[in-house]
Amino acid sequence: MEGLTQRQKNILNYIQRFVQENGYPPAIRNIQNDLKISSTSVVAYNLKKLEERGLLSRDARFARGMKLPRLEPAVTSPNVRQVPFAGYIAAGQPIPSPDQADPNETVDVPAELIPERLQDVYALRVKGNSMIDALIADGDLVLMRYTQQVENGQMAAVRVIDRNEVTLKKVYFEGNKLRLQPANPTMEAWTEDASNVEIQGRVVGVMRMMA
């Protein structure tokens, strides 16, 4: 702790307590709110200083992407689960279906974000803002359950077979058609023949990216 500012000491102590009590790291917003720091950018600056001192490691892709070397066993406690990372999905115009993901690549997920059983859950990184009104933004991580059956209005990963493209949309069944509905008033829905659509999973959780 020698050479740290008082704020940096407070942040480090807070992270240690949070991990010990919850089994997973806090988000930047937790630190800002609980320590009454003026902005998330001030928190990020001090986290960077802690990282430079080797007291913290961070993965900026994730809202809770920080680890304390001395508390590694707590971070991997039963309150944290690992799920396969299966690549990217478009929340906008469909993108080509990704190749088979590396089965060894995983992401850490607080167990509280997956209220259902973990079997068949995987993670996708979102590209685009077509689901912004459903609180899913560009860069967020969506947790999906493998299934080929969804109910009207559920959010699903949908593959358009003839173009081999995948998109994240709300799905509505309309006779022999499926309407793929964005959750963004600036974007229009479109329909596909049901025979030309493959449901690859439905959304069961979201990990929000934070600055």
C-alpha atoms as a PDB file:
ATOM      1  CA  MET A   1       0.000   0.000   0.000  1.00  0.00           C
ATOM      2  CA  GLU A   2       3.058   2.258   0.241  1.00  0.00           C
ATOM      3  CA  GLY A   3       3.001   5.110  -2.271  1.00  0.00           C
ATOM      4  CA  LEU A   4      -0.743   4.927  -2.921  1.00  0.00           C
ATOM      5  CA  THR A   5      -3.030   7.902  -2.492  1.00  0.00           C
ATOM      6  CA  GLN A   6      -5.791   7.624   0.093  1.00  0.00           C
ATOM      7  CA  ARG A   7      -8.363   7.298  -2.684  1.00  0.00           C
ATOM      8  CA  GLN A   8      -6.425   4.452  -4.274  1.00  0.00           C
ATOM      9  CA  LYS A   9      -6.195   2.711  -0.906  1.00  0.00           C
ATOM     10  CA  ASN A  10      -9.940   3.135  -0.418  1.00  0.00           C
ATOM     11  CA  ILE A  11     -10.673   1.718  -3.868  1.00  0.00           C
ATOM     12  CA  LEU A  12      -8.376  -1.262  -3.369  1.00  0.00           C
ATOM     13  CA  ASN A  13      -9.857  -2.030   0.041  1.00  0.00           C
ATOM     14  CA  TYR A  14     -13.356  -1.706  -1.390  1.00  0.00           C
ATOM     15  CA  ILE A  15     -12.593  -4.153  -4.222  1.00  0.00           C
ATOM     16  CA  GLN A  16     -11.105  -6.640  -1.758  1.00  0.00           C
ATOM     17  CA  ARG A  17     -14.201  -6.475   0.489  1.00  0.00           C
ATOM     18  CA  PHE A  18     -16.580  -6.699  -2.470  1.00  0.00           C
ATOM     19  CA  VAL A  19     -14.852  -9.799  -3.874  1.00  0.00           C
ATOM     20  CA  GLN A  20     -14.738 -11.492  -0.475  1.00  0.00           C
ATOM     21  CA  GLU A  21     -18.430 -10.829   0.162  1.00  0.00           C
ATOM     22  CA  ASN A  22     -19.806 -11.528  -3.322  1.00  0.00           C
ATOM     23  CA  GLY A  23     -17.323 -13.821  -5.011  1.00  0.00           C
ATOM     24  CA  TYR A  24     -16.959 -11.581  -8.074  1.00  0.00           C
ATOM     25  CA  PRO A  25     -15.519  -8.097  -8.701  1.00  0.00           C
ATOM     26  CA  PRO A  26     -17.477  -4.833  -8.570  1.00  0.00           C
ATOM     27  CA  ALA A  27     -18.334  -2.757 -11.626  1.00  0.00           C
ATOM     28  CA  ILE A  28     -16.871   0.736 -11.930  1.00  0.00           C
ATOM     29  CA  ARG A  29     -20.315   2.163 -11.152  1.00  0.00           C
ATOM     30  CA  ASN A  30     -20.382   0.234  -7.854  1.00  0.00           C
ATOM     31  CA  ILE A  31     -17.074   1.818  -6.847  1.00  0.00           C
ATOM     32  CA  GLN A  32     -18.182   5.312  -7.848  1.00  0.00           C
ATOM     33  CA  ASN A  33     -21.520   5.116  -6.028  1.00  0.00           C
ATOM     34  CA  ASP A  34     -20.385   3.374  -2.847  1.00  0.00           C
ATOM     35  CA  LEU A  35     -17.239   5.491  -2.378  1.00  0.00           C
ATOM     36  CA  LYS A  36     -19.027   8.685  -3.503  1.00  0.00           C
ATOM     37  CA  ILE A  37     -16.468   9.461  -6.225  1.00  0.00           C
ATOM     38  CA  SER A  38     -17.379  12.272  -8.610  1.00  0.00           C
ATOM     39  CA  SER A  39     -17.312  10.282 -11.879  1.00  0.00           C
ATOM     40  CA  THR A  40     -16.518   6.910 -13.409  1.00  0.00           C
ATOM     41  CA  SER A  41     -13.565   8.479 -15.228  1.00  0.00           C
ATOM     42  CA  VAL A  42     -11.945   9.310 -11.861  1.00  0.00           C
ATOM     43  CA  VAL A  43     -12.468   5.691 -10.804  1.00  0.00           C
ATOM     44  CA  ALA A  44     -10.965   4.454 -14.095  1.00  0.00           C
ATOM     45  CA  TYR A  45      -7.917   6.693 -13.643  1.00  0.00           C
ATOM     46  CA  ASN A  46      -7.222   5.295 -10.193  1.00  0.00           C
ATOM     47  CA  LEU A  47      -7.805   1.717 -11.319  1.00  0.00           C
ATOM     48  CA  LYS A  48      -5.190   2.304 -14.013  1.00  0.00           C
ATOM     49  CA  LYS A  49      -2.731   3.463 -11.338  1.00  0.00           C
ATOM     50  CA  LEU A  50      -3.424   0.354  -9.273  1.00  0.00           C
ATOM     51  CA  GLU A  51      -2.906  -1.757 -12.375  1.00  0.00           C
ATOM     52  CA  GLU A  52       0.447  -0.058 -13.053  1.00  0.00           C
ATOM     53  CA  ARG A  53       1.531  -0.996  -9.535  1.00  0.00           C
ATOM     54  CA  GLY A  54       0.641  -4.657 -10.159  1.00  0.00           C
ATOM     55  CA  LEU A  55      -2.096  -4.584  -7.515  1.00  0.00           C
ATOM     56  CA  LEU A  56      -4.889  -5.154 -10.015  1.00  0.00           C
ATOM     57  CA  SER A  57      -5.401  -6.636 -13.482  1.00  0.00           C
ATOM     58  CA  ARG A  58      -8.219  -5.501 -15.744  1.00  0.00           C
ATOM     59  CA  ASP A  59     -10.029  -6.558 -18.906  1.00  0.00           C
ATOM     60  CA  ALA A  60     -11.708  -3.407 -20.233  1.00  0.00           C
ATOM     61  CA  ARG A  61     -14.124  -5.458 -22.359  1.00  0.00           C
ATOM     62  CA  PHE A  62     -16.132  -6.405 -19.285  1.00  0.00           C
ATOM     63  CA  ALA A  63     -17.976  -4.302 -16.736  1.00  0.00           C
ATOM     64  CA  ARG A  64     -16.557  -6.445 -13.904  1.00  0.00           C
ATOM     65  CA  GLY A  65     -13.306  -7.270 -15.678  1.00  0.00           C
ATOM     66  CA  MET A  66     -10.870  -6.839 -12.797  1.00  0.00           C
ATOM     67  CA  LYS A  67      -8.910  -9.312 -10.706  1.00  0.00           C
ATOM     68  CA  LEU A  68      -6.810  -9.066  -7.573  1.00  0.00           C
ATOM     69  CA  PRO A  69      -3.906 -11.543  -7.680  1.00  0.00           C
ATOM     70  CA  ARG A  70      -4.013 -12.159  -3.956  1.00  0.00           C
ATOM     71  CA  LEU A  71      -7.758 -12.868  -4.043  1.00  0.00           C
ATOM     72  CA  GLU A  72      -7.925 -15.099  -7.100  1.00  0.00           C
ATOM     73  CA  PRO A  73      -9.606 -17.982  -5.227  1.00  0.00           C
ATOM     74  CA  ALA A  74     -12.429 -15.665  -4.179  1.00  0.00           C
ATOM     75  CA  VAL A  75     -12.959 -14.416  -7.721  1.00  0.00           C
ATOM     76  CA  THR A  76     -13.442 -17.980  -8.920  1.00  0.00           C
ATOM     77  CA  SER A  77     -15.777 -18.858  -6.046  1.00  0.00           C
ATOM     78  CA  PRO A  78     -19.121 -20.626  -6.569  1.00  0.00           C
ATOM     79  CA  ASN A  79     -20.742 -17.204  -7.082  1.00  0.00           C
ATOM     80  CA  VAL A  80     -18.997 -16.880 -10.447  1.00  0.00           C
ATOM     81  CA  ARG A  81     -19.634 -19.156 -13.417  1.00  0.00           C
ATOM     82  CA  GLN A  82     -17.754 -19.640 -16.660  1.00  0.00           C
ATOM     83  CA  VAL A  83     -19.691 -19.920 -19.911  1.00  0.00           C
ATOM     84  CA  PRO A  84     -18.371 -20.457 -23.458  1.00  0.00           C
ATOM     85  CA  PHE A  85     -17.734 -17.346 -25.553  1.00  0.00           C
ATOM     86  CA  ALA A  86     -19.172 -18.050 -29.022  1.00  0.00           C
ATOM     87  CA  GLY A  87     -18.208 -14.855 -30.877  1.00  0.00           C
ATOM     88  CA  TYR A  88     -20.159 -11.818 -32.061  1.00  0.00           C
ATOM     89  CA  ILE A  89     -23.760 -11.170 -33.027  1.00  0.00           C
ATOM     90  CA  ALA A  90     -25.248  -8.233 -34.918  1.00  0.00           C
ATOM     91  CA  ALA A  91     -27.801  -5.942 -33.334  1.00  0.00           C
ATOM     92  CA  GLY A  92     -28.351  -4.065 -36.573  1.00  0.00           C
ATOM     93  CA  GLN A  93     -27.811  -5.456 -40.044  1.00  0.00           C
ATOM     94  CA  PRO A  94     -27.134  -9.215 -39.940  1.00  0.00           C
ATOM     95  CA  ILE A  95     -23.511 -10.321 -40.103  1.00  0.00           C
ATOM     96  CA  PRO A  96     -22.080 -13.562 -41.479  1.00  0.00           C
ATOM     97  CA  SER A  97     -22.474 -16.531 -39.177  1.00  0.00           C
ATOM     98  CA  PRO A  98     -19.227 -16.953 -37.201  1.00  0.00           C
ATOM     99  CA  ASP A  99     -17.008 -19.975 -37.522  1.00  0.00           C
ATOM    100  CA  GLN A 100     -17.065 -22.524 -34.730  1.00  0.00           C
ATOM    101  CA  ALA A 101     -15.835 -20.769 -31.586  1.00  0.00           C
ATOM    102  CA  ASP A 102     -12.818 -21.944 -29.628  1.00  0.00           C
ATOM    103  CA  PRO A 103     -14.349 -24.338 -27.071  1.00  0.00           C
ATOM    104  CA  ASN A 104     -11.691 -23.285 -24.541  1.00  0.00           C
ATOM    105  CA  GLU A 105     -12.588 -19.577 -24.604  1.00  0.00           C
ATOM    106  CA  THR A 106     -14.892 -18.625 -21.750  1.00  0.00           C
ATOM    107  CA  VAL A 107     -16.134 -15.569 -19.882  1.00  0.00           C
ATOM    108  CA  ASP A 108     -16.721 -15.160 -16.150  1.00  0.00           C
ATOM    109  CA  VAL A 109     -20.332 -14.399 -15.293  1.00  0.00           C
ATOM    110  CA  PRO A 110     -21.819 -13.581 -11.870  1.00  0.00           C
ATOM    111  CA  ALA A 111     -24.203 -16.422 -11.075  1.00  0.00           C
ATOM    112  CA  GLU A 112     -26.923 -13.878 -10.261  1.00  0.00           C
ATOM    113  CA  LEU A 113     -27.128 -12.958 -13.964  1.00  0.00           C
ATOM    114  CA  ILE A 114     -28.195 -16.470 -14.950  1.00  0.00           C
ATOM    115  CA  PRO A 115     -31.307 -17.329 -12.952  1.00  0.00           C
ATOM    116  CA  GLU A 116     -31.801 -20.518 -14.953  1.00  0.00           C
ATOM    117  CA  ARG A 117     -29.563 -23.585 -14.993  1.00  0.00           C
ATOM    118  CA  LEU A 118     -26.187 -23.072 -16.662  1.00  0.00           C
ATOM    119  CA  GLN A 119     -26.449 -26.005 -19.046  1.00  0.00           C
ATOM    120  CA  ASP A 120     -26.482 -24.879 -22.691  1.00  0.00           C
ATOM    121  CA  VAL A 121     -25.707 -21.216 -21.865  1.00  0.00           C
ATOM    122  CA  TYR A 122     -23.182 -19.362 -24.022  1.00  0.00           C
ATOM    123  CA  ALA A 123     -22.110 -15.727 -24.486  1.00  0.00           C
ATOM    124  CA  LEU A 124     -22.066 -13.450 -27.536  1.00  0.00           C
ATOM    125  CA  ARG A 125     -20.645  -9.945 -27.939  1.00  0.00           C
ATOM    126  CA  VAL A 126     -23.164  -7.493 -29.443  1.00  0.00           C
ATOM    127  CA  LYS A 127     -22.311  -5.300 -32.436  1.00  0.00           C
ATOM    128  CA  GLY A 128     -24.804  -2.506 -33.084  1.00  0.00           C
ATOM    129  CA  ASN A 129     -27.659  -0.714 -31.334  1.00  0.00           C
ATOM    130  CA  SER A 130     -30.848  -2.185 -32.792  1.00  0.00           C
ATOM    131  CA  MET A 131     -31.813  -3.562 -29.357  1.00  0.00           C
ATOM    132  CA  ILE A 132     -31.053  -0.410 -27.367  1.00  0.00           C
ATOM    133  CA  ASP A 133     -34.640  -0.057 -26.063  1.00  0.00           C
ATOM    134  CA  ALA A 134     -34.334  -3.577 -24.669  1.00  0.00           C
ATOM    135  CA  LEU A 135     -31.293  -2.327 -22.681  1.00  0.00           C
ATOM    136  CA  ILE A 136     -28.813  -4.125 -24.949  1.00  0.00           C
ATOM    137  CA  ALA A 137     -26.171  -1.796 -26.409  1.00  0.00           C
ATOM    138  CA  ASP A 138     -23.178  -2.086 -28.692  1.00  0.00           C
ATOM    139  CA  GLY A 139     -20.381  -3.958 -26.889  1.00  0.00           C
ATOM    140  CA  ASP A 140     -22.612  -5.637 -24.313  1.00  0.00           C
ATOM    141  CA  LEU A 141     -22.353  -9.344 -23.659  1.00  0.00           C
ATOM    142  CA  VAL A 142     -25.596 -11.300 -24.079  1.00  0.00           C
ATOM    143  CA  LEU A 143     -26.027 -14.660 -22.383  1.00  0.00           C
ATOM    144  CA  MET A 144     -27.890 -17.102 -24.597  1.00  0.00           C
ATOM    145  CA  ARG A 145     -29.464 -20.510 -24.088  1.00  0.00           C
ATOM    146  CA  TYR A 146     -29.295 -22.940 -26.991  1.00  0.00           C
ATOM    147  CA  THR A 147     -32.852 -23.566 -28.171  1.00  0.00           C
ATOM    148  CA  GLN A 148     -34.765 -23.680 -31.417  1.00  0.00           C
ATOM    149  CA  GLN A 149     -38.055 -22.686 -29.827  1.00  0.00           C
ATOM    150  CA  VAL A 150     -38.987 -19.227 -28.552  1.00  0.00           C
ATOM    151  CA  GLU A 151     -42.239 -17.473 -27.756  1.00  0.00           C
ATOM    152  CA  ASN A 152     -43.625 -14.377 -29.468  1.00  0.00           C
ATOM    153  CA  GLY A 153     -41.681 -11.292 -28.436  1.00  0.00           C
ATOM    154  CA  GLN A 154     -38.671 -13.099 -26.984  1.00  0.00           C
ATOM    155  CA  MET A 155     -35.178 -11.970 -27.999  1.00  0.00           C
ATOM    156  CA  ALA A 156     -33.321 -14.564 -29.987  1.00  0.00           C
ATOM    157  CA  ALA A 157     -30.236 -15.214 -32.078  1.00  0.00           C
ATOM    158  CA  VAL A 158     -31.662 -15.849 -35.543  1.00  0.00           C
ATOM    159  CA  ARG A 159     -29.821 -17.241 -38.564  1.00  0.00           C
ATOM    160  CA  VAL A 160     -31.143 -16.373 -42.026  1.00  0.00           C
ATOM    161  CA  ILE A 161     -30.287 -19.621 -43.733  1.00  0.00           C
ATOM    162  CA  ASP A 162     -29.959 -18.612 -47.399  1.00  0.00           C
ATOM    163  CA  ARG A 163     -27.538 -15.790 -46.532  1.00  0.00           C
ATOM    164  CA  ASN A 164     -25.891 -17.570 -43.576  1.00  0.00           C
ATOM    165  CA  GLU A 165     -26.276 -14.377 -41.526  1.00  0.00           C
ATOM    166  CA  VAL A 166     -27.074 -14.069 -37.830  1.00  0.00           C
ATOM    167  CA  THR A 167     -28.849 -11.250 -36.021  1.00  0.00           C
ATOM    168  CA  LEU A 168     -30.239 -10.507 -32.538  1.00  0.00           C
ATOM    169  CA  LYS A 169     -33.913  -9.504 -32.683  1.00  0.00           C
ATOM    170  CA  LYS A 170     -37.314  -9.963 -31.077  1.00  0.00           C
ATOM    171  CA  VAL A 171     -39.148 -12.729 -32.905  1.00  0.00           C
ATOM    172  CA  TYR A 172     -42.840 -12.680 -33.852  1.00  0.00           C
ATOM    173  CA  PHE A 173     -44.618 -15.538 -35.637  1.00  0.00           C
ATOM    174  CA  GLU A 174     -46.997 -14.433 -38.398  1.00  0.00           C
ATOM    175  CA  GLY A 175     -48.359 -17.466 -40.212  1.00  0.00           C
ATOM    176  CA  ASN A 176     -45.567 -19.001 -42.283  1.00  0.00           C
ATOM    177  CA  LYS A 177     -43.430 -15.894 -41.740  1.00  0.00           C
ATOM    178  CA  LEU A 178     -41.244 -14.632 -38.914  1.00  0.00           C
ATOM    179  CA  ARG A 179     -41.025 -10.924 -38.195  1.00  0.00           C
ATOM    180  CA  LEU A 180     -37.621  -9.862 -36.889  1.00  0.00           C
ATOM    181  CA  GLN A 181     -38.248  -6.764 -34.800  1.00  0.00           C
ATOM    182  CA  PRO A 182     -35.547  -4.335 -33.602  1.00  0.00           C
ATOM    183  CA  ALA A 183     -35.951  -2.595 -30.241  1.00  0.00           C
ATOM    184  CA  ASN A 184     -34.989   0.764 -31.730  1.00  0.00           C
ATOM    185  CA  PRO A 185     -37.555   3.198 -33.180  1.00  0.00           C
ATOM    186  CA  THR A 186     -35.112   4.350 -35.867  1.00  0.00           C
ATOM    187  CA  MET A 187     -34.863   0.844 -37.376  1.00  0.00           C
ATOM    188  CA  GLU A 188     -37.462  -1.135 -39.306  1.00  0.00           C
ATOM    189  CA  ALA A 189     -38.517  -4.739 -38.849  1.00  0.00           C
ATOM    190  CA  TRP A 190     -38.454  -7.244 -41.704  1.00  0.00           C
ATOM    191  CA  THR A 191     -39.954 -10.664 -42.329  1.00  0.00           C
ATOM    192  CA  GLU A 192     -38.481 -13.952 -43.482  1.00  0.00           C
ATOM    193  CA  ASP A 193     -40.080 -17.235 -44.496  1.00  0.00           C
ATOM    194  CA  ALA A 194     -40.142 -19.510 -41.465  1.00  0.00           C
ATOM    195  CA  SER A 195     -38.405 -22.186 -43.536  1.00  0.00           C
ATOM    196  CA  ASN A 196     -35.500 -19.781 -44.122  1.00  0.00           C
ATOM    197  CA  VAL A 197     -34.904 -19.010 -40.439  1.00  0.00           C
ATOM    198  CA  GLU A 198     -33.119 -20.971 -37.753  1.00  0.00           C
ATOM    199  CA  ILE A 199     -33.444 -20.000 -34.082  1.00  0.00           C
ATOM    200  CA  GLN A 200     -30.072 -20.526 -32.416  1.00  0.00           C
ATOM    201  CA  GLY A 201     -30.846 -19.408 -28.874  1.00  0.00           C
ATOM    202  CA  ARG A 202     -32.745 -16.957 -26.707  1.00  0.00           C
ATOM    203  CA  VAL A 203     -31.456 -14.226 -24.396  1.00  0.00           C
ATOM    204  CA  VAL A 204     -31.343 -15.154 -20.691  1.00  0.00           C
ATOM    205  CA  GLY A 205     -29.063 -12.367 -19.411  1.00  0.00           C
ATOM    206  CA  VAL A 206     -27.021  -9.284 -20.287  1.00  0.00           C
ATOM    207  CA  MET A 207     -23.644  -7.991 -19.045  1.00  0.00           C
ATOM    208  CA  ARG A 208     -23.491  -4.259 -19.638  1.00  0.00           C
ATOM    209  CA  MET A 209     -20.289  -2.581 -20.825  1.00  0.00           C
ATOM    210  CA  MET A 210     -19.352   0.402 -18.648  1.00  0.00           C
ATOM    211  CA  ALA A 211     -16.753   3.115 -19.200  1.00  0.00           C
END
